[in-house]
Structures are given as C-alpha cells and as structure tokens.
C-alpha atoms as a PDB file:
ATOM      1  CA  UNK A   1       0.000   0.000   0.000  1.00  0.00           C
ATOM      2  CA  UNK A   2       1.326   3.429  -0.942  1.00  0.00           C
ATOM      3  CA  UNK A   3       1.602   6.076   1.750  1.00  0.00           C
ATOM      4  CA  UNK A   4      -0.145   9.059   0.132  1.00  0.00           C
ATOM      5  CA  UNK A   5       1.671  11.472   2.414  1.00  0.00           C
ATOM      6  CA  UNK A   6       4.988  10.514   0.814  1.00  0.00           C
ATOM      7  CA  UNK A   7       3.906  10.701  -2.829  1.00  0.00           C
ATOM      8  CA  UNK A   8       4.390  13.711  -5.063  1.00  0.00           C
ATOM      9  CA  UNK A   9       0.756  13.731  -6.238  1.00  0.00           C
ATOM     10  CA  UNK A  10      -0.968  17.012  -5.575  1.00  0.00           C
ATOM     11  CA  UNK A  11      -3.969  17.152  -3.225  1.00  0.00           C
ATOM     12  CA  UNK A  12      -6.206  18.193  -6.112  1.00  0.00           C
ATOM     13  CA  UNK A  13      -5.283  15.030  -8.030  1.00  0.00           C
ATOM     14  CA  UNK A  14      -6.014  12.849  -5.000  1.00  0.00           C
ATOM     15  CA  UNK A  15      -9.473  14.376  -4.608  1.00  0.00           C
ATOM     16  CA  UNK A  16     -10.383  13.296  -8.130  1.00  0.00           C
ATOM     17  CA  UNK A  17      -9.862   9.652  -7.224  1.00  0.00           C
ATOM     18  CA  UNK A  18     -12.378   7.571  -5.291  1.00  0.00           C
ATOM     19  CA  UNK A  19     -11.180   7.647  -1.684  1.00  0.00           C
ATOM     20  CA  UNK A  20     -13.668   5.118  -0.307  1.00  0.00           C
ATOM     21  CA  UNK A  21     -12.395   2.003   1.396  1.00  0.00           C
ATOM     22  CA  UNK A  22     -15.082  -0.108  -0.318  1.00  0.00           C
ATOM     23  CA  UNK A  23     -16.857   0.441  -3.645  1.00  0.00           C
ATOM     24  CA  UNK A  24     -20.437   1.662  -3.853  1.00  0.00           C
ATOM     25  CA  UNK A  25     -23.124   0.702  -6.338  1.00  0.00           C
ATOM     26  CA  UNK A  26     -25.816   2.943  -7.768  1.00  0.00           C
ATOM     27  CA  UNK A  27     -29.191   1.581  -6.711  1.00  0.00           C
ATOM     28  CA  UNK A  28     -32.622   3.020  -5.835  1.00  0.00           C
ATOM     29  CA  UNK A  29     -33.808   1.629  -2.486  1.00  0.00           C
ATOM     30  CA  UNK A  30     -35.824   2.405   0.642  1.00  0.00           C
ATOM     31  CA  UNK A  31     -34.120   3.814   3.753  1.00  0.00           C
ATOM     32  CA  UNK A  32     -35.554   4.655   7.179  1.00  0.00           C
ATOM     33  CA  UNK A  33     -33.588   6.725   9.672  1.00  0.00           C
ATOM     34  CA  UNK A  34     -34.079   7.176  13.428  1.00  0.00           C
ATOM     35  CA  UNK A  35     -32.233   9.508  15.802  1.00  0.00           C
ATOM     36  CA  UNK A  36     -33.143  10.819  19.228  1.00  0.00           C
ATOM     37  CA  UNK A  37     -36.971  10.941  19.119  1.00  0.00           C
ATOM     38  CA  UNK A  38     -37.212  11.556  15.380  1.00  0.00           C
ATOM     39  CA  UNK A  39     -37.536   9.334  12.328  1.00  0.00           C
ATOM     40  CA  UNK A  40     -37.940   9.776   8.588  1.00  0.00           C
ATOM     41  CA  UNK A  41     -38.117   7.760   5.362  1.00  0.00           C
ATOM     42  CA  UNK A  42     -35.641   8.549   2.569  1.00  0.00           C
ATOM     43  CA  UNK A  43     -34.492   7.175  -0.789  1.00  0.00           C
ATOM     44  CA  UNK A  44     -31.074   5.608  -1.091  1.00  0.00           C
ATOM     45  CA  UNK A  45     -29.235   6.070  -4.371  1.00  0.00           C
ATOM     46  CA  UNK A  46     -25.826   4.520  -3.662  1.00  0.00           C
ATOM     47  CA  UNK A  47     -24.716   1.729  -1.312  1.00  0.00           C
ATOM     48  CA  UNK A  48     -21.622  -0.253  -0.402  1.00  0.00           C
ATOM     49  CA  UNK A  49     -20.267  -2.284   2.484  1.00  0.00           C
ATOM     50  CA  UNK A  50     -18.986   0.869   4.199  1.00  0.00           C
ATOM     51  CA  UNK A  51     -22.051   3.079   3.929  1.00  0.00           C
ATOM     52  CA  UNK A  52     -24.694   4.629   1.734  1.00  0.00           C
ATOM     53  CA  UNK A  53     -25.801   7.868   0.116  1.00  0.00           C
ATOM     54  CA  UNK A  54     -29.384   9.033   0.184  1.00  0.00           C
ATOM     55  CA  UNK A  55     -31.693  11.936  -0.451  1.00  0.00           C
ATOM     56  CA  UNK A  56     -33.836  13.100   2.427  1.00  0.00           C
ATOM     57  CA  UNK A  57     -36.434  15.855   2.683  1.00  0.00           C
ATOM     58  CA  UNK A  58     -35.779  16.362   6.400  1.00  0.00           C
ATOM     59  CA  UNK A  59     -32.557  17.963   7.586  1.00  0.00           C
ATOM     60  CA  UNK A  60     -30.266  15.532   9.395  1.00  0.00           C
ATOM     61  CA  UNK A  61     -27.821  16.405  12.163  1.00  0.00           C
ATOM     62  CA  UNK A  62     -24.237  16.318  10.892  1.00  0.00           C
ATOM     63  CA  UNK A  63     -21.900  13.812  12.591  1.00  0.00           C
ATOM     64  CA  UNK A  64     -24.826  12.312  14.553  1.00  0.00           C
ATOM     65  CA  UNK A  65     -25.108   8.594  15.259  1.00  0.00           C
ATOM     66  CA  UNK A  66     -28.358   7.238  13.867  1.00  0.00           C
ATOM     67  CA  UNK A  67     -30.164   3.970  13.280  1.00  0.00           C
ATOM     68  CA  UNK A  68     -30.386   3.095   9.581  1.00  0.00           C
ATOM     69  CA  UNK A  69     -32.832   0.546   8.200  1.00  0.00           C
ATOM     70  CA  UNK A  70     -32.658  -0.285   4.513  1.00  0.00           C
ATOM     71  CA  UNK A  71     -34.278  -2.735   2.119  1.00  0.00           C
ATOM     72  CA  UNK A  72     -32.671  -3.255  -1.283  1.00  0.00           C
ATOM     73  CA  UNK A  73     -35.894  -4.497  -2.891  1.00  0.00           C
ATOM     74  CA  UNK A  74     -39.354  -5.617  -1.783  1.00  0.00           C
ATOM     75  CA  UNK A  75     -38.189  -9.248  -1.472  1.00  0.00           C
ATOM     76  CA  UNK A  76     -35.124  -8.418   0.631  1.00  0.00           C
ATOM     77  CA  UNK A  77     -35.229  -8.457   4.428  1.00  0.00           C
ATOM     78  CA  UNK A  78     -35.012  -5.160   6.299  1.00  0.00           C
ATOM     79  CA  UNK A  79     -31.436  -4.575   7.536  1.00  0.00           C
ATOM     80  CA  UNK A  80     -30.890  -2.476  10.670  1.00  0.00           C
ATOM     81  CA  UNK A  81     -27.473  -0.943  11.354  1.00  0.00           C
ATOM     82  CA  UNK A  82     -25.980   1.932  13.340  1.00  0.00           C
ATOM     83  CA  UNK A  83     -24.567   4.716  11.229  1.00  0.00           C
ATOM     84  CA  UNK A  84     -22.911   8.098  11.418  1.00  0.00           C
ATOM     85  CA  UNK A  85     -23.898  11.074   9.264  1.00  0.00           C
ATOM     86  CA  UNK A  86     -20.630  11.977   7.501  1.00  0.00           C
ATOM     87  CA  UNK A  87     -21.720  14.373   4.775  1.00  0.00           C
ATOM     88  CA  UNK A  88     -24.734  16.664   4.332  1.00  0.00           C
ATOM     89  CA  UNK A  89     -25.205  18.818   1.251  1.00  0.00           C
ATOM     90  CA  UNK A  90     -28.765  20.017   0.967  1.00  0.00           C
ATOM     91  CA  UNK A  91     -30.992  16.939   0.617  1.00  0.00           C
ATOM     92  CA  UNK A  92     -28.021  14.661  -0.197  1.00  0.00           C
ATOM     93  CA  UNK A  93     -26.565  12.772   2.757  1.00  0.00           C
ATOM     94  CA  UNK A  94     -23.661  10.339   3.166  1.00  0.00           C
ATOM     95  CA  UNK A  95     -23.805   7.815   6.004  1.00  0.00           C
ATOM     96  CA  UNK A  96     -21.030   5.539   7.223  1.00  0.00           C
ATOM     97  CA  UNK A  97     -22.037   2.146   8.653  1.00  0.00           C
ATOM     98  CA  UNK A  98     -20.711   1.565  12.162  1.00  0.00           C
ATOM     99  CA  UNK A  99     -21.742  -2.037  12.837  1.00  0.00           C
ATOM    100  CA  UNK A 100     -22.835  -3.763   9.626  1.00  0.00           C
ATOM    101  CA  UNK A 101     -22.559  -7.461  10.441  1.00  0.00           C
ATOM    102  CA  UNK A 102     -20.714  -9.902   8.225  1.00  0.00           C
ATOM    103  CA  UNK A 103     -23.934 -11.701   7.204  1.00  0.00           C
ATOM    104  CA  UNK A 104     -25.554  -8.431   6.066  1.00  0.00           C
ATOM    105  CA  UNK A 105     -22.323  -7.242   4.417  1.00  0.00           C
ATOM    106  CA  UNK A 106     -22.026 -10.445   2.379  1.00  0.00           C
ATOM    107  CA  UNK A 107     -25.734 -10.342   1.446  1.00  0.00           C
ATOM    108  CA  UNK A 108     -25.317  -6.753   0.249  1.00  0.00           C
ATOM    109  CA  UNK A 109     -22.251  -7.544  -1.850  1.00  0.00           C
ATOM    110  CA  UNK A 110     -23.890 -10.669  -3.286  1.00  0.00           C
ATOM    111  CA  UNK A 111     -27.053  -8.721  -4.196  1.00  0.00           C
ATOM    112  CA  UNK A 112     -25.139  -5.946  -5.970  1.00  0.00           C
ATOM    113  CA  UNK A 113     -22.794  -8.306  -7.828  1.00  0.00           C
ATOM    114  CA  UNK A 114     -25.730 -10.361  -9.152  1.00  0.00           C
ATOM    115  CA  UNK A 115     -27.199  -7.196 -10.655  1.00  0.00           C
ATOM    116  CA  UNK A 116     -23.875  -6.468 -12.398  1.00  0.00           C
ATOM    117  CA  UNK A 117     -24.017  -2.912 -11.138  1.00  0.00           C
ATOM    118  CA  UNK A 118     -20.825  -0.939 -11.724  1.00  0.00           C
END
C-alpha cells in the first residue's frame, strides 16, 4: 500500500480519485432513519459495504449517530445498522455504517454483484 503522504501527487489530483475504502453501487432503495426521538423515510441512491448515500427531505444532524434501516428491494429483508452522518449537502446525505454485520455485508455484496451494477 502506498503512503499518500509521501507521494508527489498534488492534493487536487487525490481528490479526483475515489477515496472510499469499499466500492459503492448505484441503486434506488428504501431507507428509514431514526435519531433521538425523530424518524424519517428517505431514498437511497448509492450503497456499499462501508455506507450509503441518500436523499432526504428532512434535515439531518451532521456527525450524529443514527439507526439506519434499509431494504434493497421488496423481497429483501429489512437490515438495521448503526450509522454516522458523515456528509450533508442540501438533501443529499452520506452515512457511514458503524456495525454492519458480516452476514448483512455479504448479502449486500452478493445482491449488488448479481445485478452487475458498476
């Protein structure tokens, strides 16, 4: 693994590359979020083993820990996981999974690979 701090690549060049630890797939799916005493339903548009991106009509607290429930399609079971709000830009939100179990992680990867989503 290359130590980026020791390379001569400029910061601007590094930002152009995908910096995620795991790949994400573009997919339209249902997401429910709960934090404190509030909850809302949103639409996911990108998902991977490390987190997901969604659009949400309600403002979400930045850096807050939340409960995320998602279902990839109507036949898939509902998956519940703790998450952290990492990025908020208007209605677009990025959430990092904090405790996605191995069974759910493998089911997610298997589902996306069968769809041949790139």
